[in-house]
Amino acid sequence: MNARSDISMKTDEVLRVELQVFRREHADLDAAIAALHDRGTADQLTLQRLKKQKLLLKDRIAQIEDRLTPDIIA
C-alpha cells in the first residue's frame, strides 16, 4: 500500500476531512453520471469509467468510516 491510501497512519481529524472530500466527489460523480445518462449522448466507455471511479470512492469512504467508527463489543 502506498502512503496516500494507508489510513492506519492518518489521524482521525485528517480522515474526517478526507471523508468529507470523498463524499463530495462521490456526489459530484453521481450528478455527472445522471446528467450524461439523461442527455443520452454519453458514450458507454465514459459512463463506465465514471461509475468505476464512483465505486472506488464508495469503497474508500467505507474504509474510512470503519476506521472512525469504534468497535462495540456486545
N, C-alpha and C. Protein backbone atom coordinates (compact mmCIF):
# COMPACT_ATOMS: atom_id res chain seq x y z
N MET A 1 0.83 -1.18 0.00
CA MET A 1 0.00 0.00 0.00
C MET A 1 0.87 1.24 0.00
N ASN A 2 0.45 2.25 -0.74
CA ASN A 2 1.24 3.48 -0.72
C ASN A 2 0.80 4.37 0.43
N ALA A 3 1.60 5.38 0.71
CA ALA A 3 1.34 6.24 1.86
C ALA A 3 0.03 7.01 1.74
N ARG A 4 -0.36 7.35 0.53
CA ARG A 4 -1.57 8.13 0.32
C ARG A 4 -2.82 7.35 0.71
N SER A 5 -2.83 6.06 0.46
CA SER A 5 -4.03 5.27 0.73
C SER A 5 -3.97 4.51 2.05
N ASP A 6 -2.87 4.60 2.78
CA ASP A 6 -2.72 3.88 4.04
C ASP A 6 -3.38 4.68 5.16
N ILE A 7 -4.61 4.29 5.53
CA ILE A 7 -5.34 5.06 6.52
C ILE A 7 -4.85 4.81 7.94
N SER A 8 -4.09 3.76 8.15
CA SER A 8 -3.63 3.46 9.51
C SER A 8 -2.63 4.50 10.01
N MET A 9 -2.02 5.25 9.13
CA MET A 9 -1.01 6.24 9.51
C MET A 9 -1.61 7.65 9.66
N LYS A 10 -2.90 7.81 9.44
CA LYS A 10 -3.53 9.13 9.47
C LYS A 10 -4.32 9.33 10.75
N THR A 11 -4.38 10.58 11.19
CA THR A 11 -5.15 10.89 12.39
C THR A 11 -6.64 10.90 12.05
N ASP A 12 -7.45 10.81 13.09
CA ASP A 12 -8.90 10.83 12.89
C ASP A 12 -9.35 12.14 12.25
N GLU A 13 -8.71 13.23 12.63
CA GLU A 13 -9.08 14.53 12.06
C GLU A 13 -8.83 14.57 10.55
N VAL A 14 -7.69 14.06 10.14
CA VAL A 14 -7.36 14.01 8.71
C VAL A 14 -8.36 13.11 7.98
N LEU A 15 -8.70 12.00 8.59
CA LEU A 15 -9.65 11.08 7.97
C LEU A 15 -11.03 11.70 7.84
N ARG A 16 -11.45 12.49 8.82
CA ARG A 16 -12.76 13.16 8.73
C ARG A 16 -12.79 14.16 7.57
N VAL A 17 -11.69 14.88 7.39
CA VAL A 17 -11.61 15.83 6.27
C VAL A 17 -11.64 15.07 4.95
N GLU A 18 -10.85 14.01 4.86
CA GLU A 18 -10.85 13.20 3.63
C GLU A 18 -12.24 12.63 3.37
N LEU A 19 -12.91 12.20 4.41
CA LEU A 19 -14.25 11.63 4.27
C LEU A 19 -15.20 12.66 3.65
N GLN A 20 -15.15 13.89 4.11
CA GLN A 20 -15.98 14.94 3.54
C GLN A 20 -15.66 15.17 2.06
N VAL A 21 -14.38 15.20 1.75
CA VAL A 21 -13.95 15.42 0.36
C VAL A 21 -14.42 14.27 -0.52
N PHE A 22 -14.23 13.04 -0.06
CA PHE A 22 -14.62 11.88 -0.86
C PHE A 22 -16.13 11.81 -1.04
N ARG A 23 -16.89 12.16 -0.01
CA ARG A 23 -18.35 12.17 -0.14
C ARG A 23 -18.80 13.21 -1.17
N ARG A 24 -18.15 14.37 -1.17
CA ARG A 24 -18.49 15.41 -2.15
C ARG A 24 -18.15 14.95 -3.56
N GLU A 25 -16.97 14.34 -3.73
CA GLU A 25 -16.57 13.82 -5.03
C GLU A 25 -17.54 12.74 -5.50
N HIS A 26 -17.98 11.89 -4.58
CA HIS A 26 -18.93 10.82 -4.91
C HIS A 26 -20.24 11.42 -5.40
N ALA A 27 -20.72 12.44 -4.70
CA ALA A 27 -21.97 13.11 -5.10
C ALA A 27 -21.81 13.81 -6.46
N ASP A 28 -20.66 14.42 -6.68
CA ASP A 28 -20.40 15.08 -7.96
C ASP A 28 -20.39 14.07 -9.11
N LEU A 29 -19.75 12.93 -8.87
CA LEU A 29 -19.73 11.89 -9.90
C LEU A 29 -21.14 11.37 -10.17
N ASP A 30 -21.91 11.21 -9.12
CA ASP A 30 -23.29 10.75 -9.28
C ASP A 30 -24.08 11.72 -10.14
N ALA A 31 -23.91 13.02 -9.89
CA ALA A 31 -24.61 14.03 -10.68
C ALA A 31 -24.13 14.02 -12.12
N ALA A 32 -22.84 13.86 -12.33
CA ALA A 32 -22.29 13.84 -13.68
C ALA A 32 -22.80 12.63 -14.47
N ILE A 33 -22.84 11.49 -13.81
CA ILE A 33 -23.34 10.27 -14.46
C ILE A 33 -24.80 10.44 -14.83
N ALA A 34 -25.59 10.98 -13.91
CA ALA A 34 -27.01 11.19 -14.18
C ALA A 34 -27.21 12.17 -15.34
N ALA A 35 -26.42 13.24 -15.36
CA ALA A 35 -26.55 14.23 -16.43
C ALA A 35 -26.19 13.63 -17.78
N LEU A 36 -25.12 12.87 -17.83
CA LEU A 36 -24.72 12.24 -19.09
C LEU A 36 -25.75 11.22 -19.54
N HIS A 37 -26.28 10.48 -18.59
CA HIS A 37 -27.27 9.46 -18.91
C HIS A 37 -28.56 10.10 -19.43
N ASP A 38 -29.00 11.16 -18.76
CA ASP A 38 -30.23 11.85 -19.16
C ASP A 38 -30.11 12.50 -20.53
N ARG A 39 -28.94 13.01 -20.83
CA ARG A 39 -28.72 13.64 -22.12
C ARG A 39 -28.74 12.61 -23.26
N GLY A 40 -28.33 11.40 -22.92
CA GLY A 40 -28.36 10.32 -23.89
C GLY A 40 -27.26 10.36 -24.93
N THR A 41 -26.31 11.27 -24.77
CA THR A 41 -25.25 11.39 -25.77
C THR A 41 -23.92 10.83 -25.27
N ALA A 42 -23.87 10.40 -24.04
CA ALA A 42 -22.61 9.91 -23.47
C ALA A 42 -22.27 8.53 -24.03
N ASP A 43 -20.99 8.34 -24.30
CA ASP A 43 -20.58 7.01 -24.75
C ASP A 43 -20.46 6.09 -23.53
N GLN A 44 -20.64 4.83 -23.77
CA GLN A 44 -20.66 3.85 -22.69
C GLN A 44 -19.32 3.75 -21.96
N LEU A 45 -18.23 3.96 -22.67
CA LEU A 45 -16.92 3.87 -22.04
C LEU A 45 -16.74 4.97 -20.99
N THR A 46 -17.18 6.17 -21.31
CA THR A 46 -17.09 7.28 -20.36
C THR A 46 -17.95 7.00 -19.14
N LEU A 47 -19.18 6.55 -19.37
CA LEU A 47 -20.06 6.21 -18.24
C LEU A 47 -19.46 5.12 -17.38
N GLN A 48 -18.90 4.12 -18.02
CA GLN A 48 -18.31 3.00 -17.30
C GLN A 48 -17.14 3.47 -16.43
N ARG A 49 -16.31 4.35 -16.97
CA ARG A 49 -15.17 4.87 -16.21
C ARG A 49 -15.63 5.70 -15.01
N LEU A 50 -16.64 6.53 -15.22
CA LEU A 50 -17.15 7.35 -14.13
C LEU A 50 -17.77 6.48 -13.04
N LYS A 51 -18.49 5.45 -13.44
CA LYS A 51 -19.10 4.54 -12.47
C LYS A 51 -18.04 3.78 -11.68
N LYS A 52 -16.98 3.38 -12.35
CA LYS A 52 -15.90 2.67 -11.66
C LYS A 52 -15.22 3.60 -10.65
N GLN A 53 -14.99 4.84 -11.05
CA GLN A 53 -14.39 5.82 -10.16
C GLN A 53 -15.30 6.05 -8.94
N LYS A 54 -16.60 6.09 -9.18
CA LYS A 54 -17.58 6.27 -8.11
C LYS A 54 -17.54 5.09 -7.13
N LEU A 55 -17.43 3.88 -7.66
CA LEU A 55 -17.35 2.70 -6.80
C LEU A 55 -16.07 2.69 -5.96
N LEU A 56 -14.96 3.12 -6.56
CA LEU A 56 -13.70 3.19 -5.81
C LEU A 56 -13.81 4.18 -4.67
N LEU A 57 -14.48 5.31 -4.93
CA LEU A 57 -14.70 6.29 -3.87
C LEU A 57 -15.59 5.73 -2.77
N LYS A 58 -16.61 4.99 -3.18
CA LYS A 58 -17.52 4.38 -2.20
C LYS A 58 -16.76 3.42 -1.29
N ASP A 59 -15.86 2.62 -1.86
CA ASP A 59 -15.05 1.70 -1.07
C ASP A 59 -14.13 2.47 -0.11
N ARG A 60 -13.56 3.54 -0.60
CA ARG A 60 -12.65 4.36 0.22
C ARG A 60 -13.42 5.00 1.38
N ILE A 61 -14.63 5.48 1.08
CA ILE A 61 -15.48 6.06 2.12
C ILE A 61 -15.80 5.02 3.19
N ALA A 62 -16.13 3.81 2.77
CA ALA A 62 -16.45 2.73 3.71
C ALA A 62 -15.24 2.39 4.59
N GLN A 63 -14.04 2.38 4.01
CA GLN A 63 -12.84 2.09 4.79
C GLN A 63 -12.63 3.14 5.87
N ILE A 64 -12.80 4.40 5.50
CA ILE A 64 -12.59 5.48 6.46
C ILE A 64 -13.67 5.44 7.55
N GLU A 65 -14.91 5.21 7.16
CA GLU A 65 -15.99 5.12 8.14
C GLU A 65 -15.74 3.97 9.12
N ASP A 66 -15.26 2.85 8.62
CA ASP A 66 -14.94 1.71 9.50
C ASP A 66 -13.84 2.08 10.49
N ARG A 67 -12.87 2.82 10.02
CA ARG A 67 -11.76 3.23 10.90
C ARG A 67 -12.24 4.22 11.96
N LEU A 68 -13.15 5.12 11.59
CA LEU A 68 -13.61 6.15 12.52
C LEU A 68 -14.67 5.66 13.49
N THR A 69 -15.37 4.59 13.12
CA THR A 69 -16.44 4.06 13.97
C THR A 69 -15.84 3.08 14.98
N PRO A 70 -16.01 3.36 16.25
CA PRO A 70 -15.43 2.46 17.26
C PRO A 70 -16.16 1.12 17.28
N ASP A 71 -15.39 0.09 17.53
CA ASP A 71 -15.99 -1.24 17.66
C ASP A 71 -16.74 -1.34 18.98
N ILE A 72 -17.95 -1.84 18.91
CA ILE A 72 -18.76 -2.00 20.12
C ILE A 72 -18.86 -3.48 20.42
N ILE A 73 -18.36 -3.85 21.56
CA ILE A 73 -18.41 -5.25 21.96
C ILE A 73 -19.71 -5.48 22.73
N ALA A 74 -20.53 -6.36 22.21
CA ALA A 74 -21.84 -6.61 22.84
C ALA A 74 -21.73 -7.62 23.94
